[in-house]
Amino acid sequence: MPRLFVPPLLRPFCEGEEEVVVDGSTVLEAVQSLDAQYPGTLERLCPDGKLRPGIAVTVDQNVTPRGLSQKVSPESEIHFLPAIGGG
């Protein structure tokens, strides 16, 4: 089952957990699984059904432009990071 690493600002809503084993075959399903375990995390991470602005998602150490629709495997690691802008 995928492992989702909880962003520091969400940890108080997840009983301080840094990492949670979740169900799902996409990032969205993984976040929904996290929300089933810790209600309210979905809305904080994905208001209006979209990834919060300024947040990037990595799956297996690769930043993905597919965001919530990115497929994950049972061995995947999912991280949420502040997006880095440049100019």
N, C-alpha and C. Protein backbone atom coordinates (compact mmCIF):
# COMPACT_ATOMS: atom_id res chain seq x y z
N MET A 1 0.85 -1.18 0.00
CA MET A 1 0.00 0.00 0.00
C MET A 1 0.89 1.24 0.00
N PRO A 2 0.50 2.28 -0.74
CA PRO A 2 1.32 3.49 -0.81
C PRO A 2 1.53 4.12 0.57
N ARG A 3 2.65 4.80 0.70
CA ARG A 3 2.93 5.57 1.91
C ARG A 3 2.84 7.05 1.57
N LEU A 4 2.05 7.77 2.34
CA LEU A 4 1.87 9.20 2.14
C LEU A 4 2.59 9.91 3.29
N PHE A 5 3.52 10.78 2.94
CA PHE A 5 4.25 11.55 3.94
C PHE A 5 3.47 12.84 4.20
N VAL A 6 3.06 13.03 5.43
CA VAL A 6 2.17 14.12 5.81
C VAL A 6 2.97 15.42 5.89
N PRO A 7 2.52 16.47 5.18
CA PRO A 7 3.20 17.77 5.28
C PRO A 7 3.17 18.28 6.72
N PRO A 8 4.21 18.98 7.16
CA PRO A 8 4.28 19.45 8.55
C PRO A 8 3.04 20.20 9.03
N LEU A 9 2.45 21.03 8.18
CA LEU A 9 1.29 21.81 8.62
C LEU A 9 0.03 20.95 8.80
N LEU A 10 0.01 19.76 8.22
CA LEU A 10 -1.15 18.86 8.39
C LEU A 10 -0.97 17.89 9.55
N ARG A 11 0.24 17.75 10.06
CA ARG A 11 0.49 16.76 11.11
C ARG A 11 -0.37 16.94 12.35
N PRO A 12 -0.68 18.17 12.78
CA PRO A 12 -1.57 18.29 13.95
C PRO A 12 -2.96 17.68 13.70
N PHE A 13 -3.38 17.61 12.46
CA PHE A 13 -4.68 17.03 12.12
C PHE A 13 -4.60 15.52 11.93
N CYS A 14 -3.37 14.98 11.97
CA CYS A 14 -3.13 13.54 11.78
C CYS A 14 -2.47 12.94 13.02
N GLU A 15 -2.80 13.50 14.18
CA GLU A 15 -2.26 13.00 15.45
C GLU A 15 -0.74 12.98 15.45
N GLY A 16 -0.13 13.93 14.72
CA GLY A 16 1.32 14.06 14.69
C GLY A 16 2.04 13.09 13.77
N GLU A 17 1.29 12.26 13.06
CA GLU A 17 1.91 11.27 12.17
C GLU A 17 2.69 11.97 11.06
N GLU A 18 3.88 11.45 10.77
CA GLU A 18 4.69 11.97 9.67
C GLU A 18 4.45 11.17 8.40
N GLU A 19 4.03 9.93 8.56
CA GLU A 19 3.85 9.02 7.43
C GLU A 19 2.64 8.14 7.71
N VAL A 20 1.79 7.96 6.70
CA VAL A 20 0.57 7.16 6.85
C VAL A 20 0.47 6.20 5.66
N VAL A 21 0.17 4.95 5.94
CA VAL A 21 -0.08 3.98 4.88
C VAL A 21 -1.52 4.17 4.42
N VAL A 22 -1.71 4.31 3.11
CA VAL A 22 -3.02 4.63 2.55
C VAL A 22 -3.39 3.65 1.45
N ASP A 23 -4.66 3.65 1.07
CA ASP A 23 -5.13 2.90 -0.08
C ASP A 23 -5.19 3.84 -1.27
N GLY A 24 -5.26 3.27 -2.46
CA GLY A 24 -5.48 4.08 -3.65
C GLY A 24 -4.55 3.75 -4.78
N SER A 25 -5.03 4.04 -5.99
CA SER A 25 -4.20 3.84 -7.18
C SER A 25 -3.85 5.17 -7.84
N THR A 26 -4.33 6.29 -7.28
CA THR A 26 -3.95 7.64 -7.72
C THR A 26 -3.65 8.48 -6.48
N VAL A 27 -3.02 9.62 -6.69
CA VAL A 27 -2.75 10.52 -5.57
C VAL A 27 -4.07 10.95 -4.92
N LEU A 28 -5.08 11.25 -5.73
CA LEU A 28 -6.37 11.66 -5.16
C LEU A 28 -6.95 10.57 -4.27
N GLU A 29 -6.94 9.33 -4.73
CA GLU A 29 -7.46 8.23 -3.92
C GLU A 29 -6.65 8.07 -2.63
N ALA A 30 -5.35 8.29 -2.71
CA ALA A 30 -4.51 8.21 -1.52
C ALA A 30 -4.88 9.30 -0.52
N VAL A 31 -5.13 10.51 -1.01
CA VAL A 31 -5.53 11.61 -0.13
C VAL A 31 -6.92 11.34 0.45
N GLN A 32 -7.80 10.77 -0.34
CA GLN A 32 -9.13 10.40 0.17
C GLN A 32 -9.01 9.34 1.27
N SER A 33 -8.09 8.41 1.11
CA SER A 33 -7.85 7.41 2.14
C SER A 33 -7.30 8.06 3.41
N LEU A 34 -6.40 9.02 3.25
CA LEU A 34 -5.89 9.77 4.40
C LEU A 34 -7.04 10.47 5.11
N ASP A 35 -7.94 11.07 4.32
CA ASP A 35 -9.08 11.78 4.89
C ASP A 35 -10.03 10.83 5.63
N ALA A 36 -10.14 9.59 5.16
CA ALA A 36 -10.98 8.61 5.85
C ALA A 36 -10.40 8.29 7.23
N GLN A 37 -9.07 8.32 7.32
CA GLN A 37 -8.41 8.05 8.60
C GLN A 37 -8.36 9.29 9.48
N TYR A 38 -8.20 10.45 8.86
CA TYR A 38 -8.07 11.73 9.57
C TYR A 38 -8.96 12.76 8.88
N PRO A 39 -10.24 12.79 9.24
CA PRO A 39 -11.20 13.68 8.57
C PRO A 39 -10.75 15.14 8.57
N GLY A 40 -10.96 15.78 7.43
CA GLY A 40 -10.62 17.18 7.26
C GLY A 40 -9.32 17.41 6.50
N THR A 41 -8.51 16.36 6.35
CA THR A 41 -7.24 16.56 5.66
C THR A 41 -7.44 16.80 4.17
N LEU A 42 -8.44 16.17 3.58
CA LEU A 42 -8.70 16.37 2.15
C LEU A 42 -9.00 17.83 1.84
N GLU A 43 -9.87 18.44 2.63
CA GLU A 43 -10.25 19.84 2.39
C GLU A 43 -9.07 20.78 2.62
N ARG A 44 -8.20 20.45 3.55
CA ARG A 44 -7.04 21.31 3.81
C ARG A 44 -5.99 21.20 2.71
N LEU A 45 -5.85 20.01 2.14
CA LEU A 45 -4.84 19.80 1.11
C LEU A 45 -5.38 20.08 -0.29
N CYS A 46 -6.66 19.83 -0.48
CA CYS A 46 -7.26 19.95 -1.81
C CYS A 46 -8.59 20.70 -1.75
N PRO A 47 -8.57 21.98 -1.40
CA PRO A 47 -9.83 22.72 -1.39
C PRO A 47 -10.42 22.77 -2.80
N ASP A 48 -11.71 22.69 -2.89
CA ASP A 48 -12.41 22.74 -4.18
C ASP A 48 -12.01 21.60 -5.11
N GLY A 49 -11.51 20.49 -4.54
CA GLY A 49 -11.17 19.33 -5.36
C GLY A 49 -9.88 19.45 -6.15
N LYS A 50 -9.11 20.51 -5.90
CA LYS A 50 -7.84 20.72 -6.60
C LYS A 50 -6.73 20.86 -5.56
N LEU A 51 -5.53 20.45 -5.96
CA LEU A 51 -4.39 20.60 -5.08
C LEU A 51 -4.21 22.06 -4.73
N ARG A 52 -4.01 22.34 -3.46
CA ARG A 52 -3.85 23.72 -2.99
C ARG A 52 -2.74 24.42 -3.78
N PRO A 53 -2.97 25.66 -4.21
CA PRO A 53 -1.93 26.41 -4.93
C PRO A 53 -0.65 26.49 -4.10
N GLY A 54 0.48 26.41 -4.77
CA GLY A 54 1.76 26.50 -4.08
C GLY A 54 2.26 25.17 -3.55
N ILE A 55 1.53 24.08 -3.83
CA ILE A 55 1.92 22.75 -3.39
C ILE A 55 2.22 21.89 -4.61
N ALA A 56 3.34 21.20 -4.58
CA ALA A 56 3.70 20.24 -5.63
C ALA A 56 3.64 18.85 -5.02
N VAL A 57 3.34 17.87 -5.85
CA VAL A 57 3.29 16.49 -5.38
C VAL A 57 4.41 15.69 -6.06
N THR A 58 5.07 14.86 -5.27
CA THR A 58 6.06 13.94 -5.83
C THR A 58 5.61 12.52 -5.56
N VAL A 59 5.82 11.67 -6.52
CA VAL A 59 5.55 10.25 -6.39
C VAL A 59 6.84 9.53 -6.73
N ASP A 60 7.32 8.78 -5.79
CA ASP A 60 8.57 8.04 -5.97
C ASP A 60 9.72 8.96 -6.38
N GLN A 61 9.81 10.09 -5.70
CA GLN A 61 10.88 11.08 -5.86
C GLN A 61 10.83 11.85 -7.17
N ASN A 62 9.72 11.78 -7.90
CA ASN A 62 9.58 12.52 -9.14
C ASN A 62 8.43 13.51 -9.02
N VAL A 63 8.72 14.79 -9.24
CA VAL A 63 7.67 15.79 -9.26
C VAL A 63 6.77 15.49 -10.46
N THR A 64 5.48 15.46 -10.22
CA THR A 64 4.56 15.10 -11.29
C THR A 64 3.67 16.27 -11.68
N PRO A 65 3.57 16.56 -12.97
CA PRO A 65 2.65 17.61 -13.41
C PRO A 65 1.19 17.12 -13.40
N ARG A 66 0.98 15.82 -13.23
CA ARG A 66 -0.39 15.27 -13.25
C ARG A 66 -1.12 15.50 -11.94
N GLY A 67 -0.40 15.90 -10.90
CA GLY A 67 -1.03 16.22 -9.63
C GLY A 67 -1.85 15.08 -9.06
N LEU A 68 -3.10 15.35 -8.74
CA LEU A 68 -3.97 14.38 -8.08
C LEU A 68 -4.29 13.18 -8.95
N SER A 69 -4.17 13.31 -10.26
CA SER A 69 -4.50 12.19 -11.15
C SER A 69 -3.32 11.24 -11.37
N GLN A 70 -2.17 11.57 -10.81
CA GLN A 70 -0.99 10.72 -10.97
C GLN A 70 -1.25 9.33 -10.39
N LYS A 71 -0.92 8.30 -11.16
CA LYS A 71 -1.07 6.93 -10.69
C LYS A 71 0.01 6.62 -9.66
N VAL A 72 -0.34 5.77 -8.69
CA VAL A 72 0.61 5.30 -7.69
C VAL A 72 0.52 3.78 -7.63
N SER A 73 1.61 3.17 -7.19
CA SER A 73 1.64 1.71 -7.03
C SER A 73 1.59 1.39 -5.54
N PRO A 74 1.41 0.13 -5.19
CA PRO A 74 1.39 -0.22 -3.78
C PRO A 74 2.71 0.10 -3.05
N GLU A 75 3.80 0.24 -3.79
CA GLU A 75 5.10 0.55 -3.19
C GLU A 75 5.44 2.03 -3.23
N SER A 76 4.55 2.86 -3.75
CA SER A 76 4.85 4.28 -3.95
C SER A 76 5.00 5.05 -2.64
N GLU A 77 5.81 6.11 -2.73
CA GLU A 77 5.92 7.11 -1.68
C GLU A 77 5.41 8.42 -2.25
N ILE A 78 4.50 9.05 -1.52
CA ILE A 78 3.87 10.29 -1.96
C ILE A 78 4.28 11.40 -0.99
N HIS A 79 4.81 12.49 -1.55
CA HIS A 79 5.21 13.64 -0.75
C HIS A 79 4.52 14.90 -1.32
N PHE A 80 4.21 15.82 -0.43
CA PHE A 80 3.69 17.13 -0.83
C PHE A 80 4.71 18.16 -0.39
N LEU A 81 5.13 19.00 -1.34
CA LEU A 81 6.19 19.98 -1.10
C LEU A 81 5.75 21.36 -1.53
N PRO A 82 6.32 22.39 -0.91
CA PRO A 82 6.05 23.74 -1.42
C PRO A 82 6.58 23.84 -2.84
N ALA A 83 5.77 24.34 -3.74
CA ALA A 83 6.20 24.53 -5.13
C ALA A 83 7.28 25.61 -5.16
N ILE A 84 8.26 25.41 -6.01
CA ILE A 84 9.35 26.36 -6.13
C ILE A 84 9.19 27.10 -7.44
N GLY A 85 9.09 28.41 -7.35
CA GLY A 85 8.96 29.23 -8.55
C GLY A 85 10.28 29.88 -8.88
N GLY A 86 10.39 30.28 -10.08
CA GLY A 86 11.64 30.93 -10.48
C GLY A 86 11.36 31.93 -11.59
N GLY A 87 12.34 32.69 -11.89
CA GLY A 87 12.12 33.66 -12.94
C GLY A 87 13.36 33.99 -13.67
